[in-house]
Amino acid sequence: MAQTSSLINTLKKALKAQGKTYLDVADALNLSEPSIKRMFADEHITLKRLDRICEMLDLELSELILMMQDNSDLISQLTKEQEQDLVSDIDLFLVAVSCLNRWSFSDIIDTYDFSEASMRQHLRRLEKLKFLQLLAGDRIRVLVSRNFAWLPDGPIQRFFNQKIQNEFFASSFEQQGEKLSVITAMLSPSSNAIVQQRIERLLGEFSDLEAEDARLPINKRFGTTMVVAIRPWELEAFEERRREDTLKTFK
C-alpha cells in the first residue's frame, strides 16, 4: 500500500510539473472531474487508466516507477564547483537554464545555434551532474526538486547579479510586461519579517504559474525575470551626512 501511495504521489508531481490538471485527466479518461478527484483521493487507479495518464504525459509506466524510486534523490542545489563549471561554459549554462524552464530538446536546437550532436554532448555533461536524465527519443527529465535554488552568493548568483546590474536594469520599464517599483520606508524588524514572508509567498506563486504554463508551446511563453529584494539600506550620500551617534545596525 505504501508503494501505491508513493506511485500516485509521483504521478501527481508529474502532472503538476507539466501543468496538467484533474480536468485534463478527466478529458483523457472520459470521466468527470469529481470522479478523477475521488480516484486520486481513494488511491485506486486501474492499470489501464494509469497507463492512459502516462500516455497523456508522454511517459512510459516504467519511467514513472523510476521517477518514484528517484524522487528522494532529486537535488536542491549544486556544489560550488559544479556551479563554477556551468558558469564557465556559457553554452552548457544556457542548456541547463533552458532545461530548468522545461524546454524540450527540439525547442532548444530550434531556438539556439546547437547541432543535435553538440546538444547531446551538453546534456550528457549535465547528466553526470545528476541535473537531468536524457531519455529515449531525446526527451529530457530534469532531476531537481521543487525548491531547487542556486547557491547564495555562489558563482551563478554572482553571475546573475552582474548581468542584472548591467543588462536587466538597462530599461525604462515602460513596455508591456515590464514593471519597476521602488518603495522606501521606515520599518520595524517585525514588519520587515512580514514583508519577507510575503515575498516568499509571491515567489511560490511565480513557480506555480511557471508549472502551469509549462504545457504551452514555446512560442506562447517568453523568458521572464523577476527581481525581488528587501534590505535595511540608506543612500550612501544620506548616510554620510548622519551624526556618528545615530548610525544604527539592523537587529
Protein backbone atom coordinates (compact mmCIF):
# COMPACT_ATOMS: atom_id res chain seq x y z
CA MET A 1 0.00 0.00 0.00
CA ALA A 2 2.90 2.35 0.78
CA GLN A 3 4.25 1.85 -2.74
CA THR A 4 0.82 2.61 -4.22
CA SER A 5 0.67 5.91 -2.33
CA SER A 6 4.21 6.75 -3.40
CA LEU A 7 3.43 5.99 -7.06
CA ILE A 8 0.28 8.13 -7.03
CA ASN A 9 2.14 10.98 -5.32
CA THR A 10 4.79 10.72 -8.03
CA LEU A 11 2.05 10.81 -10.66
CA LYS A 12 0.60 13.97 -9.07
CA LYS A 13 4.04 15.61 -9.20
CA ALA A 14 4.45 14.61 -12.85
CA LEU A 15 1.05 16.13 -13.66
CA LYS A 16 1.93 19.34 -11.84
CA ALA A 17 5.36 19.55 -13.50
CA GLN A 18 3.66 19.55 -16.90
CA GLY A 19 0.90 21.92 -15.83
CA LYS A 20 -1.78 19.23 -16.14
CA THR A 21 -4.94 19.43 -14.03
CA TYR A 22 -7.55 16.93 -12.86
CA LEU A 23 -9.74 18.30 -15.66
CA ASP A 24 -7.09 17.31 -18.20
CA VAL A 25 -7.02 13.80 -16.73
CA ALA A 26 -10.82 13.68 -16.81
CA ASP A 27 -10.82 14.57 -20.51
CA ALA A 28 -8.20 11.91 -21.25
CA LEU A 29 -10.15 9.20 -19.40
CA ASN A 30 -13.64 10.37 -20.45
CA LEU A 31 -14.64 10.77 -16.82
CA SER A 32 -15.94 13.69 -14.76
CA GLU A 33 -13.55 15.86 -12.79
CA PRO A 34 -15.15 14.84 -9.43
CA SER A 35 -14.58 11.18 -10.38
CA ILE A 36 -10.90 11.89 -11.01
CA LYS A 37 -10.53 13.72 -7.69
CA ARG A 38 -12.18 10.80 -5.91
CA MET A 39 -9.96 8.32 -7.77
CA PHE A 40 -6.81 10.09 -6.60
CA ALA A 41 -8.14 10.62 -3.07
CA ASP A 42 -9.00 6.92 -2.74
CA GLU A 43 -5.68 5.99 -4.38
CA HIS A 44 -7.49 3.49 -6.56
CA ILE A 45 -6.39 3.72 -10.19
CA THR A 46 -6.60 0.74 -12.53
CA LEU A 47 -3.52 -0.22 -14.52
CA LYS A 48 -5.34 0.65 -17.75
CA ARG A 49 -6.15 4.16 -16.51
CA LEU A 50 -2.66 4.63 -15.12
CA ASP A 51 -1.22 3.69 -18.49
CA ARG A 52 -3.54 6.18 -20.23
CA ILE A 53 -2.47 9.00 -17.89
CA CYS A 54 1.20 8.16 -18.54
CA GLU A 55 0.48 8.29 -22.27
CA MET A 56 -1.01 11.76 -21.79
CA LEU A 57 2.21 12.80 -20.03
CA ASP A 58 4.36 11.19 -22.73
CA LEU A 59 5.80 8.84 -20.11
CA GLU A 60 6.28 5.10 -20.03
CA LEU A 61 4.91 3.42 -16.92
CA SER A 62 8.43 2.15 -16.26
CA GLU A 63 9.66 5.76 -16.31
CA LEU A 64 7.02 6.74 -13.74
CA ILE A 65 8.19 3.92 -11.49
CA LEU A 66 11.79 5.06 -11.95
CA MET A 67 10.73 8.61 -11.03
CA MET A 68 9.12 7.24 -7.84
CA GLN A 69 12.35 5.47 -6.93
CA ASP A 70 14.48 8.52 -7.73
CA ASN A 71 12.32 11.17 -6.06
CA SER A 72 14.37 11.04 -2.88
CA ASP A 73 17.48 11.71 -4.96
CA LEU A 74 16.29 14.96 -6.56
CA ILE A 75 18.85 17.69 -5.98
CA SER A 76 18.02 21.03 -4.42
CA GLN A 77 21.44 22.62 -5.03
CA LEU A 78 24.65 22.10 -6.94
CA THR A 79 28.08 22.36 -5.34
CA LYS A 80 30.17 25.49 -5.73
CA GLU A 81 32.48 23.61 -8.10
CA GLN A 82 29.55 22.41 -10.24
CA GLU A 83 28.12 25.91 -10.47
CA GLN A 84 31.54 27.22 -11.48
CA ASP A 85 31.72 24.60 -14.25
CA LEU A 86 28.33 25.74 -15.54
CA VAL A 87 29.03 29.45 -15.48
CA SER A 88 32.44 28.93 -17.10
CA ASP A 89 30.81 27.35 -20.17
CA ILE A 90 28.06 29.66 -21.43
CA ASP A 91 26.68 27.04 -23.84
CA LEU A 92 26.37 24.44 -21.08
CA PHE A 93 24.82 27.05 -18.79
CA LEU A 94 22.30 28.02 -21.48
CA VAL A 95 21.24 24.39 -21.93
CA ALA A 96 20.91 23.93 -18.15
CA VAL A 97 18.73 27.02 -17.73
CA SER A 98 16.62 26.04 -20.75
CA CYS A 99 16.03 22.60 -19.26
CA LEU A 100 15.10 24.17 -15.92
CA ASN A 101 12.49 26.17 -17.86
CA ARG A 102 11.12 22.88 -19.25
CA TRP A 103 12.26 23.41 -22.83
CA SER A 104 12.33 20.28 -24.96
CA PHE A 105 15.32 19.06 -26.97
CA SER A 106 13.77 20.38 -30.20
CA ASP A 107 12.80 23.71 -28.56
CA ILE A 108 16.45 24.36 -27.68
CA ILE A 109 18.04 23.41 -31.02
CA ASP A 110 15.30 25.24 -32.96
CA THR A 111 15.96 28.40 -30.96
CA TYR A 112 19.71 28.36 -30.37
CA ASP A 113 22.68 27.55 -32.58
CA PHE A 114 23.31 23.98 -31.40
CA SER A 115 23.69 20.88 -33.56
CA GLU A 116 21.96 17.73 -32.33
CA ALA A 117 25.37 16.20 -31.58
CA SER A 118 26.61 19.16 -29.51
CA MET A 119 23.26 19.34 -27.73
CA ARG A 120 23.50 15.70 -26.66
CA GLN A 121 27.06 16.32 -25.51
CA HIS A 122 25.88 19.14 -23.22
CA LEU A 123 23.01 17.01 -21.92
CA ARG A 124 25.37 14.14 -21.10
CA ARG A 125 27.58 16.53 -19.12
CA LEU A 126 24.50 17.69 -17.19
CA GLU A 127 23.53 14.05 -16.70
CA LYS A 128 26.88 13.41 -14.97
CA LEU A 129 25.96 16.20 -12.53
CA LYS A 130 22.67 14.34 -11.88
CA PHE A 131 20.99 17.55 -13.05
CA LEU A 132 18.86 15.74 -15.62
CA GLN A 133 18.26 12.45 -17.36
CA LEU A 134 18.24 12.05 -21.14
CA LEU A 135 15.51 9.57 -22.06
CA ALA A 136 14.63 7.73 -25.25
CA GLY A 137 13.62 9.98 -28.13
CA ASP A 138 15.75 12.83 -26.78
CA ARG A 139 13.25 13.55 -24.03
CA ILE A 140 14.66 15.39 -21.03
CA ARG A 141 13.78 14.71 -17.42
CA VAL A 142 15.06 17.39 -15.03
CA LEU A 143 16.20 15.90 -11.71
CA VAL A 144 15.88 18.93 -9.46
CA SER A 145 13.46 19.36 -6.59
CA ARG A 146 10.74 21.99 -6.45
CA ASN A 147 12.84 24.06 -4.01
CA PHE A 148 15.97 23.95 -6.19
CA ALA A 149 18.00 27.14 -5.90
CA TRP A 150 21.40 28.44 -6.88
CA LEU A 151 23.88 28.78 -4.03
CA PRO A 152 23.59 32.06 -2.08
CA ASP A 153 26.46 34.27 -3.25
CA GLY A 154 27.66 31.34 -5.35
CA PRO A 155 29.17 31.53 -8.85
CA ILE A 156 25.82 31.62 -10.65
CA GLN A 157 24.17 34.13 -8.33
CA ARG A 158 27.19 36.42 -8.70
CA PHE A 159 26.98 35.99 -12.48
CA PHE A 160 23.30 36.94 -12.47
CA ASN A 161 23.92 39.86 -10.12
CA GLN A 162 26.44 41.27 -12.56
CA LYS A 163 24.07 40.81 -15.51
CA ILE A 164 21.15 42.28 -13.56
CA GLN A 165 23.13 45.46 -12.90
CA ASN A 166 24.48 45.74 -16.45
CA GLU A 167 21.57 44.42 -18.53
CA PHE A 168 18.33 43.90 -16.62
CA PHE A 169 18.05 47.47 -15.34
CA ALA A 170 19.04 48.96 -18.71
CA SER A 171 15.37 49.63 -19.41
CA SER A 172 12.77 52.31 -18.82
CA PHE A 173 10.38 49.54 -17.64
CA GLU A 174 7.57 51.15 -19.64
CA GLN A 175 6.97 48.37 -22.15
CA GLN A 176 4.24 45.73 -21.93
CA GLY A 177 5.19 43.04 -19.44
CA GLU A 178 7.58 45.36 -17.58
CA LYS A 179 7.14 46.92 -14.16
CA LEU A 180 9.55 48.55 -11.75
CA SER A 181 8.56 49.95 -8.36
CA VAL A 182 10.93 51.27 -5.75
CA ILE A 183 9.48 51.89 -2.29
CA THR A 184 11.37 53.15 0.73
CA ALA A 185 10.01 53.28 4.26
CA MET A 186 10.96 53.11 7.92
CA LEU A 187 10.01 49.61 9.09
CA SER A 188 10.43 47.73 12.34
CA PRO A 189 12.23 44.35 12.30
CA SER A 190 8.87 42.56 12.72
CA SER A 191 7.33 44.39 9.77
CA ASN A 192 10.41 43.63 7.68
CA ALA A 193 9.95 39.94 8.54
CA ILE A 194 6.31 40.06 7.42
CA VAL A 195 7.31 41.57 4.07
CA GLN A 196 9.90 38.80 3.62
CA GLN A 197 7.23 36.16 4.28
CA ARG A 198 5.01 37.71 1.62
CA ILE A 199 7.91 37.78 -0.82
CA GLU A 200 8.35 34.03 -0.26
CA ARG A 201 4.64 33.55 -0.97
CA LEU A 202 4.94 35.58 -4.18
CA LEU A 203 7.93 33.53 -5.30
CA GLY A 204 5.90 30.37 -4.68
CA GLU A 205 3.05 31.71 -6.83
CA PHE A 206 5.56 32.60 -9.55
CA SER A 207 6.80 28.99 -9.55
CA ASP A 208 3.23 27.64 -9.64
CA LEU A 209 2.44 29.77 -12.70
CA GLU A 210 5.61 28.54 -14.38
CA ALA A 211 4.49 24.94 -13.81
CA GLU A 212 1.02 25.67 -15.20
CA ASP A 213 2.47 27.34 -18.31
CA ALA A 214 4.94 24.51 -18.95
CA ARG A 215 2.36 22.73 -21.12
CA LEU A 216 2.09 25.69 -23.51
CA PRO A 217 4.11 25.63 -26.75
CA ILE A 218 7.37 27.52 -26.59
CA ASN A 219 6.11 30.32 -28.86
CA LYS A 220 3.40 31.10 -26.30
CA ARG A 221 5.91 31.69 -23.49
CA PHE A 222 8.70 34.20 -23.06
CA GLY A 223 11.63 34.44 -20.68
CA THR A 224 10.55 36.35 -17.60
CA THR A 225 12.83 37.53 -14.81
CA MET A 226 11.51 38.85 -11.53
CA VAL A 227 13.88 40.55 -9.11
CA VAL A 228 12.51 40.98 -5.60
CA ALA A 229 14.75 42.34 -2.87
CA ILE A 230 14.49 43.96 0.52
CA ARG A 231 17.23 45.14 2.88
CA PRO A 232 17.85 47.76 5.55
CA TRP A 233 19.53 50.41 3.43
CA GLU A 234 20.02 54.12 3.13
CA LEU A 235 21.61 56.02 0.26
CA GLU A 236 25.32 56.31 0.93
CA ALA A 237 25.07 60.06 0.30
CA PHE A 238 22.47 60.27 3.08
CA GLU A 239 24.35 58.02 5.48
CA GLU A 240 27.47 60.13 5.12
CA ARG A 241 25.50 63.08 6.50
CA ARG A 242 24.44 61.24 9.67
CA ARG A 243 25.80 62.10 13.07
CA GLU A 244 28.02 59.29 14.32
CA ASP A 245 25.82 58.54 17.30
CA THR A 246 22.79 57.98 15.03
CA LEU A 247 24.37 55.23 12.91
CA LYS A 248 22.38 52.05 13.54
CA THR A 249 22.58 48.40 12.66
CA PHE A 250 19.53 46.28 11.89
CA LYS A 251 18.66 44.00 14.82
